[in-house]
Amino acid sequence: MSKVQIHSPSPDFALEDFRGRAVQLSDFFSKKNVVLVFNRGFS
């Protein structure tokens, strides 16, 4: 997978919410602000 450049649109992807339903990033386009956080992990 290639790196995402700063100030460029995020690629569309889907993840499960806490209820197990699929949520796609594009579902929020022009509706809400989205903050993506990538944790390196906890030890």
PDB file of N, CA and C in Angstrom:
ATOM      1  N   MET A   1       0.848  -1.175   0.000  1.00  0.00           N
ATOM      2  CA  MET A   1       0.000   0.000   0.000  1.00  0.00           C
ATOM      3  C   MET A   1       0.891   1.236   0.000  1.00  0.00           C
ATOM      4  N   SER A   2       0.558   2.186  -0.827  1.00  0.00           N
ATOM      5  CA  SER A   2       1.349   3.411  -0.903  1.00  0.00           C
ATOM      6  C   SER A   2       0.998   4.351   0.245  1.00  0.00           C
ATOM      7  N   LYS A   3       1.901   5.266   0.551  1.00  0.00           N
ATOM      8  CA  LYS A   3       1.687   6.228   1.630  1.00  0.00           C
ATOM      9  C   LYS A   3       0.681   7.280   1.189  1.00  0.00           C
ATOM     10  N   VAL A   4      -0.084   7.785   2.146  1.00  0.00           N
ATOM     11  CA  VAL A   4      -1.017   8.879   1.891  1.00  0.00           C
ATOM     12  C   VAL A   4      -0.253  10.179   2.115  1.00  0.00           C
ATOM     13  N   GLN A   5      -0.337  11.067   1.178  1.00  0.00           N
ATOM     14  CA  GLN A   5       0.345  12.352   1.274  1.00  0.00           C
ATOM     15  C   GLN A   5      -0.460  13.318   2.139  1.00  0.00           C
ATOM     16  N   ILE A   6       0.227  14.229   2.810  1.00  0.00           N
ATOM     17  CA  ILE A   6      -0.418  15.249   3.627  1.00  0.00           C
ATOM     18  C   ILE A   6      -1.322  16.109   2.750  1.00  0.00           C
ATOM     19  N   HIS A   7      -2.482  16.446   3.261  1.00  0.00           N
ATOM     20  CA  HIS A   7      -3.495  17.275   2.592  1.00  0.00           C
ATOM     21  C   HIS A   7      -4.115  16.603   1.370  1.00  0.00           C
ATOM     22  N   SER A   8      -4.024  15.301   1.291  1.00  0.00           N
ATOM     23  CA  SER A   8      -4.683  14.592   0.189  1.00  0.00           C
ATOM     24  C   SER A   8      -5.870  13.809   0.759  1.00  0.00           C
ATOM     25  N   PRO A   9      -6.870  13.532  -0.045  1.00  0.00           N
ATOM     26  CA  PRO A   9      -8.018  12.770   0.442  1.00  0.00           C
ATOM     27  C   PRO A   9      -7.609  11.365   0.883  1.00  0.00           C
ATOM     28  N   SER A  10      -8.264  10.900   1.898  1.00  0.00           N
ATOM     29  CA  SER A  10      -8.003   9.548   2.384  1.00  0.00           C
ATOM     30  C   SER A  10      -8.639   8.530   1.441  1.00  0.00           C
ATOM     31  N   PRO A  11      -8.011   7.392   1.266  1.00  0.00           N
ATOM     32  CA  PRO A  11      -8.667   6.347   0.476  1.00  0.00           C
ATOM     33  C   PRO A  11      -9.901   5.836   1.227  1.00  0.00           C
ATOM     34  N   ASP A  12     -10.913   5.423   0.499  1.00  0.00           N
ATOM     35  CA  ASP A  12     -12.118   4.913   1.120  1.00  0.00           C
ATOM     36  C   ASP A  12     -11.838   3.544   1.729  1.00  0.00           C
ATOM     37  N   PHE A  13     -12.401   3.283   2.903  1.00  0.00           N
ATOM     38  CA  PHE A  13     -12.251   1.985   3.548  1.00  0.00           C
ATOM     39  C   PHE A  13     -13.462   1.748   4.437  1.00  0.00           C
ATOM     40  N   ALA A  14     -13.645   0.511   4.870  1.00  0.00           N
ATOM     41  CA  ALA A  14     -14.755   0.148   5.743  1.00  0.00           C
ATOM     42  C   ALA A  14     -14.222  -0.592   6.961  1.00  0.00           C
ATOM     43  N   LEU A  15     -14.831  -0.314   8.111  1.00  0.00           N
ATOM     44  CA  LEU A  15     -14.520  -1.000   9.364  1.00  0.00           C
ATOM     45  C   LEU A  15     -15.831  -1.295  10.076  1.00  0.00           C
ATOM     46  N   GLU A  16     -15.778  -2.185  11.056  1.00  0.00           N
ATOM     47  CA  GLU A  16     -16.964  -2.471  11.845  1.00  0.00           C
ATOM     48  C   GLU A  16     -17.058  -1.503  13.012  1.00  0.00           C
ATOM     49  N   ASP A  17     -18.296  -1.057  13.309  1.00  0.00           N
ATOM     50  CA  ASP A  17     -18.496  -0.213  14.486  1.00  0.00           C
ATOM     51  C   ASP A  17     -18.654  -1.113  15.712  1.00  0.00           C
ATOM     52  N   PHE A  18     -18.948  -0.515  16.859  1.00  0.00           N
ATOM     53  CA  PHE A  18     -19.028  -1.287  18.095  1.00  0.00           C
ATOM     54  C   PHE A  18     -20.210  -2.251  18.117  1.00  0.00           C
ATOM     55  N   ARG A  19     -21.136  -2.096  17.190  1.00  0.00           N
ATOM     56  CA  ARG A  19     -22.275  -3.028  17.068  1.00  0.00           C
ATOM     57  C   ARG A  19     -22.013  -4.134  16.051  1.00  0.00           C
ATOM     58  N   GLY A  20     -20.865  -4.068  15.368  1.00  0.00           N
ATOM     59  CA  GLY A  20     -20.537  -5.071  14.369  1.00  0.00           C
ATOM     60  C   GLY A  20     -21.025  -4.736  12.973  1.00  0.00           C
ATOM     61  N   ARG A  21     -21.585  -3.524  12.786  1.00  0.00           N
ATOM     62  CA  ARG A  21     -22.071  -3.113  11.466  1.00  0.00           C
ATOM     63  C   ARG A  21     -20.945  -2.444  10.690  1.00  0.00           C
ATOM     64  N   ALA A  22     -20.898  -2.680   9.393  1.00  0.00           N
ATOM     65  CA  ALA A  22     -19.876  -2.073   8.538  1.00  0.00           C
ATOM     66  C   ALA A  22     -20.156  -0.585   8.365  1.00  0.00           C
ATOM     67  N   VAL A  23     -19.126   0.226   8.533  1.00  0.00           N
ATOM     68  CA  VAL A  23     -19.215   1.674   8.340  1.00  0.00           C
ATOM     69  C   VAL A  23     -18.122   2.055   7.354  1.00  0.00           C
ATOM     70  N   GLN A  24     -18.498   2.759   6.312  1.00  0.00           N
ATOM     71  CA  GLN A  24     -17.549   3.151   5.275  1.00  0.00           C
ATOM     72  C   GLN A  24     -17.222   4.633   5.412  1.00  0.00           C
ATOM     73  N   LEU A  25     -15.962   4.988   5.199  1.00  0.00           N
ATOM     74  CA  LEU A  25     -15.540   6.380   5.298  1.00  0.00           C
ATOM     75  C   LEU A  25     -16.352   7.262   4.365  1.00  0.00           C
ATOM     76  N   SER A  26     -16.642   6.793   3.175  1.00  0.00           N
ATOM     77  CA  SER A  26     -17.398   7.591   2.204  1.00  0.00           C
ATOM     78  C   SER A  26     -18.823   7.891   2.666  1.00  0.00           C
ATOM     79  N   ASP A  27     -19.341   7.153   3.666  1.00  0.00           N
ATOM     80  CA  ASP A  27     -20.669   7.430   4.212  1.00  0.00           C
ATOM     81  C   ASP A  27     -20.728   8.811   4.857  1.00  0.00           C
ATOM     82  N   PHE A  28     -19.585   9.347   5.279  1.00  0.00           N
ATOM     83  CA  PHE A  28     -19.544  10.617   5.985  1.00  0.00           C
ATOM     84  C   PHE A  28     -19.119  11.782   5.099  1.00  0.00           C
ATOM     85  N   PHE A  29     -18.831  11.526   3.830  1.00  0.00           N
ATOM     86  CA  PHE A  29     -18.366  12.568   2.926  1.00  0.00           C
ATOM     87  C   PHE A  29     -19.376  13.704   2.835  1.00  0.00           C
ATOM     88  N   SER A  30     -18.926  14.925   3.086  1.00  0.00           N
ATOM     89  CA  SER A  30     -19.742  16.146   3.062  1.00  0.00           C
ATOM     90  C   SER A  30     -20.846  16.180   4.113  1.00  0.00           C
ATOM     91  N   LYS A  31     -20.778  15.297   5.121  1.00  0.00           N
ATOM     92  CA  LYS A  31     -21.790  15.275   6.175  1.00  0.00           C
ATOM     93  C   LYS A  31     -21.192  15.587   7.543  1.00  0.00           C
ATOM     94  N   LYS A  32     -20.022  15.036   7.826  1.00  0.00           N
ATOM     95  CA  LYS A  32     -19.406  15.167   9.144  1.00  0.00           C
ATOM     96  C   LYS A  32     -17.897  15.251   8.982  1.00  0.00           C
ATOM     97  N   ASN A  33     -17.247  15.788  10.015  1.00  0.00           N
ATOM     98  CA  ASN A  33     -15.785  15.750  10.064  1.00  0.00           C
ATOM     99  C   ASN A  33     -15.358  14.401  10.616  1.00  0.00           C
ATOM    100  N   VAL A  34     -14.284  13.876  10.084  1.00  0.00           N
ATOM    101  CA  VAL A  34     -13.776  12.581  10.524  1.00  0.00           C
ATOM    102  C   VAL A  34     -12.329  12.756  10.955  1.00  0.00           C
ATOM    103  N   VAL A  35     -11.995  12.217  12.120  1.00  0.00           N
ATOM    104  CA  VAL A  35     -10.617  12.241  12.617  1.00  0.00           C
ATOM    105  C   VAL A  35     -10.113  10.807  12.636  1.00  0.00           C
ATOM    106  N   LEU A  36      -9.011  10.569  11.948  1.00  0.00           N
ATOM    107  CA  LEU A  36      -8.399   9.243  11.939  1.00  0.00           C
ATOM    108  C   LEU A  36      -7.210   9.247  12.879  1.00  0.00           C
ATOM    109  N   VAL A  37      -7.142   8.246  13.751  1.00  0.00           N
ATOM    110  CA  VAL A  37      -6.031   8.124  14.693  1.00  0.00           C
ATOM    111  C   VAL A  37      -5.432   6.738  14.512  1.00  0.00           C
ATOM    112  N   PHE A  38      -4.140   6.713  14.307  1.00  0.00           N
ATOM    113  CA  PHE A  38      -3.431   5.453  14.148  1.00  0.00           C
ATOM    114  C   PHE A  38      -2.481   5.288  15.327  1.00  0.00           C
ATOM    115  N   ASN A  39      -2.822   4.385  16.245  1.00  0.00           N
ATOM    116  CA  ASN A  39      -1.973   4.118  17.393  1.00  0.00           C
ATOM    117  C   ASN A  39      -0.877   3.133  17.008  1.00  0.00           C
ATOM    118  N   ARG A  40       0.281   3.329  17.554  1.00  0.00           N
ATOM    119  CA  ARG A  40       1.388   2.414  17.273  1.00  0.00           C
ATOM    120  C   ARG A  40       1.267   1.131  18.084  1.00  0.00           C
ATOM    121  N   GLY A  41       0.448   1.134  19.080  1.00  0.00           N
ATOM    122  CA  GLY A  41       0.279  -0.054  19.919  1.00  0.00           C
ATOM    123  C   GLY A  41       0.621   0.232  21.349  1.00  0.00           C
ATOM    124  N   PHE A  42       0.156  -0.617  22.190  1.00  0.00           N
ATOM    125  CA  PHE A  42       0.400  -0.474  23.625  1.00  0.00           C
ATOM    126  C   PHE A  42       1.184  -1.678  24.100  1.00  0.00           C
ATOM    127  N   SER A  43       2.079  -1.422  25.042  1.00  0.00           N
ATOM    128  CA  SER A  43       2.830  -2.556  25.576  1.00  0.00           C
ATOM    129  C   SER A  43       2.757  -2.582  27.081  1.00  0.00           C
TER     130      SER A  43
END
